[in-house]
Amino acid sequence: QVQLVESGGGSVQAGGSLRLSCAASGRTLSNTVVGWFRQAPGKEREFVAALLWGGIWTYYEDSVKGRFTISRDNAKNTVYLLMNSLKPEDTGVYYCAQSRKITIVTSEYDYWGQGTQVTVSA
């Protein structure tokens, strides 16, 4: 199985930026999808962005398009989420996860990290 560890969360003011990292170890990420999800207090976990490791497919939730960028570093086995122009509604715990399918459906992701908190103040 694969182990995923997120880092990079923190507290910022609206309009600020953060870069989250998801470091993977264990099984290879080749031909799998790594996604970012977030969960705000009292809400369900929702999809944010995903990419196909080793491919060109990426996908973004509509509210983050143009503000967030997902990328990878093959050598470091790490996926990043660069978040610009942050808004208070971006607040939540951010998780990375891996799936064997090209999907944005939360239940189709098999392995999850422990999450990192992002707080955006107005």
Protein backbone atom coordinates (compact mmCIF):
# COMPACT_ATOMS: atom_id res chain seq x y z
CA GLN A 1 0.00 0.00 0.00
CA VAL A 2 0.99 3.64 -0.29
CA GLN A 3 1.48 6.10 2.55
CA LEU A 4 0.59 9.74 1.97
CA VAL A 5 1.70 12.62 4.17
CA GLU A 6 0.41 16.16 3.68
CA SER A 7 2.16 19.32 4.81
CA GLY A 8 2.13 23.04 4.13
CA GLY A 9 -1.14 24.08 5.70
CA GLY A 10 -1.47 27.18 7.81
CA SER A 11 -3.37 30.39 8.41
CA VAL A 12 -3.43 33.18 5.84
CA GLN A 13 -5.48 36.24 5.06
CA ALA A 14 -7.81 36.35 2.09
CA GLY A 15 -5.88 36.92 -1.10
CA GLY A 16 -2.85 35.07 0.20
CA SER A 17 -1.19 31.88 -1.03
CA LEU A 18 -0.18 28.50 0.33
CA ARG A 19 1.48 25.49 -1.24
CA LEU A 20 0.48 22.09 0.07
CA SER A 21 2.66 19.03 -0.39
CA CYS A 22 1.70 15.36 -0.49
CA ALA A 23 4.68 13.04 -0.08
CA ALA A 24 4.11 9.43 -1.09
CA SER A 25 5.98 6.32 0.00
CA GLY A 26 5.42 2.61 -0.33
CA ARG A 27 3.89 1.46 -3.59
CA THR A 28 4.52 3.33 -6.80
CA LEU A 29 2.26 6.13 -7.95
CA SER A 30 2.69 5.12 -11.59
CA ASN A 31 -0.59 4.94 -13.50
CA THR A 32 -2.59 6.16 -10.53
CA VAL A 33 -4.42 9.37 -9.81
CA VAL A 34 -3.53 11.61 -6.90
CA GLY A 35 -6.21 13.99 -5.78
CA TRP A 36 -6.70 16.77 -3.27
CA PHE A 37 -9.88 17.01 -1.25
CA ARG A 38 -11.04 19.34 1.51
CA GLN A 39 -13.50 19.20 4.33
CA ALA A 40 -14.93 22.22 6.08
CA PRO A 41 -16.49 21.93 9.56
CA GLY A 42 -19.93 20.39 9.34
CA LYS A 43 -19.62 19.66 5.64
CA GLU A 44 -18.84 16.61 3.55
CA ARG A 45 -15.41 16.06 2.08
CA GLU A 46 -15.26 17.52 -1.43
CA PHE A 47 -13.02 17.15 -4.45
CA VAL A 48 -10.59 19.98 -5.22
CA ALA A 49 -8.11 18.84 -7.88
CA ALA A 50 -6.43 15.72 -9.25
CA LEU A 51 -3.76 14.61 -11.66
CA LEU A 52 -2.72 11.42 -13.38
CA TRP A 53 0.77 10.47 -12.26
CA GLY A 54 2.91 10.06 -15.37
CA GLY A 55 0.23 11.52 -17.63
CA ILE A 56 -1.18 14.88 -18.64
CA TRP A 57 -4.68 14.61 -17.18
CA THR A 58 -5.62 17.13 -14.55
CA TYR A 59 -9.02 18.21 -13.25
CA TYR A 60 -10.18 21.03 -11.02
CA GLU A 61 -13.35 21.77 -9.13
CA ASP A 62 -14.99 24.83 -10.66
CA SER A 63 -14.53 27.12 -7.68
CA VAL A 64 -10.73 26.70 -7.69
CA LYS A 65 -10.08 26.90 -11.42
CA GLY A 66 -7.64 29.66 -12.21
CA ARG A 67 -6.58 29.94 -8.55
CA PHE A 68 -5.21 26.49 -7.66
CA THR A 69 -2.59 24.49 -9.54
CA ILE A 70 -1.82 20.81 -9.01
CA SER A 71 1.61 19.54 -10.00
CA ARG A 72 4.06 16.74 -9.26
CA ASP A 73 7.76 16.15 -8.72
CA ASN A 74 8.64 12.69 -9.97
CA ALA A 75 12.02 12.62 -8.25
CA LYS A 76 10.51 13.46 -4.88
CA ASN A 77 7.37 11.34 -5.34
CA THR A 78 5.42 14.38 -4.25
CA VAL A 79 2.26 16.12 -5.45
CA TYR A 80 1.73 19.81 -4.77
CA LEU A 81 -1.29 22.06 -4.60
CA LEU A 82 -0.45 25.71 -5.10
CA MET A 83 -3.32 27.82 -3.85
CA ASN A 84 -3.45 31.49 -4.83
CA SER A 85 -6.06 34.18 -4.20
CA LEU A 86 -7.34 32.26 -1.22
CA LYS A 87 -10.84 32.97 0.07
CA PRO A 88 -12.42 32.31 3.47
CA GLU A 89 -14.55 29.61 1.85
CA ASP A 90 -11.34 27.69 1.05
CA THR A 91 -10.94 27.00 4.76
CA GLY A 92 -10.87 23.35 5.75
CA VAL A 93 -8.75 20.28 6.26
CA TYR A 94 -7.04 19.35 3.01
CA TYR A 95 -6.36 15.70 2.23
CA CYS A 96 -4.48 14.01 -0.54
CA ALA A 97 -5.52 10.60 -1.76
CA GLN A 98 -4.67 8.00 -4.39
CA SER A 99 -6.94 6.13 -6.75
CA ARG A 100 -6.38 3.45 -9.39
CA LYS A 101 -9.11 5.10 -11.45
CA ILE A 102 -9.28 8.41 -13.29
CA THR A 103 -11.99 9.78 -11.04
CA ILE A 104 -13.05 12.70 -8.87
CA VAL A 105 -15.41 10.58 -6.75
CA THR A 106 -14.29 10.55 -3.12
CA SER A 107 -15.31 6.93 -2.50
CA GLU A 108 -13.14 5.73 -5.38
CA TYR A 109 -9.92 6.82 -3.69
CA ASP A 110 -8.19 4.03 -1.83
CA TYR A 111 -5.46 5.63 0.25
CA TRP A 112 -5.63 8.85 2.22
CA GLY A 113 -3.28 11.09 4.13
CA GLN A 114 -4.00 12.48 7.57
CA GLY A 115 -4.85 15.97 6.34
CA THR A 116 -3.48 19.46 6.85
CA GLN A 117 -5.46 22.45 8.10
CA VAL A 118 -5.90 25.54 5.94
CA THR A 119 -7.53 28.60 7.49
CA VAL A 120 -8.26 31.72 5.47
CA SER A 121 -9.38 34.80 7.36
CA ALA A 122 -11.32 37.67 5.83
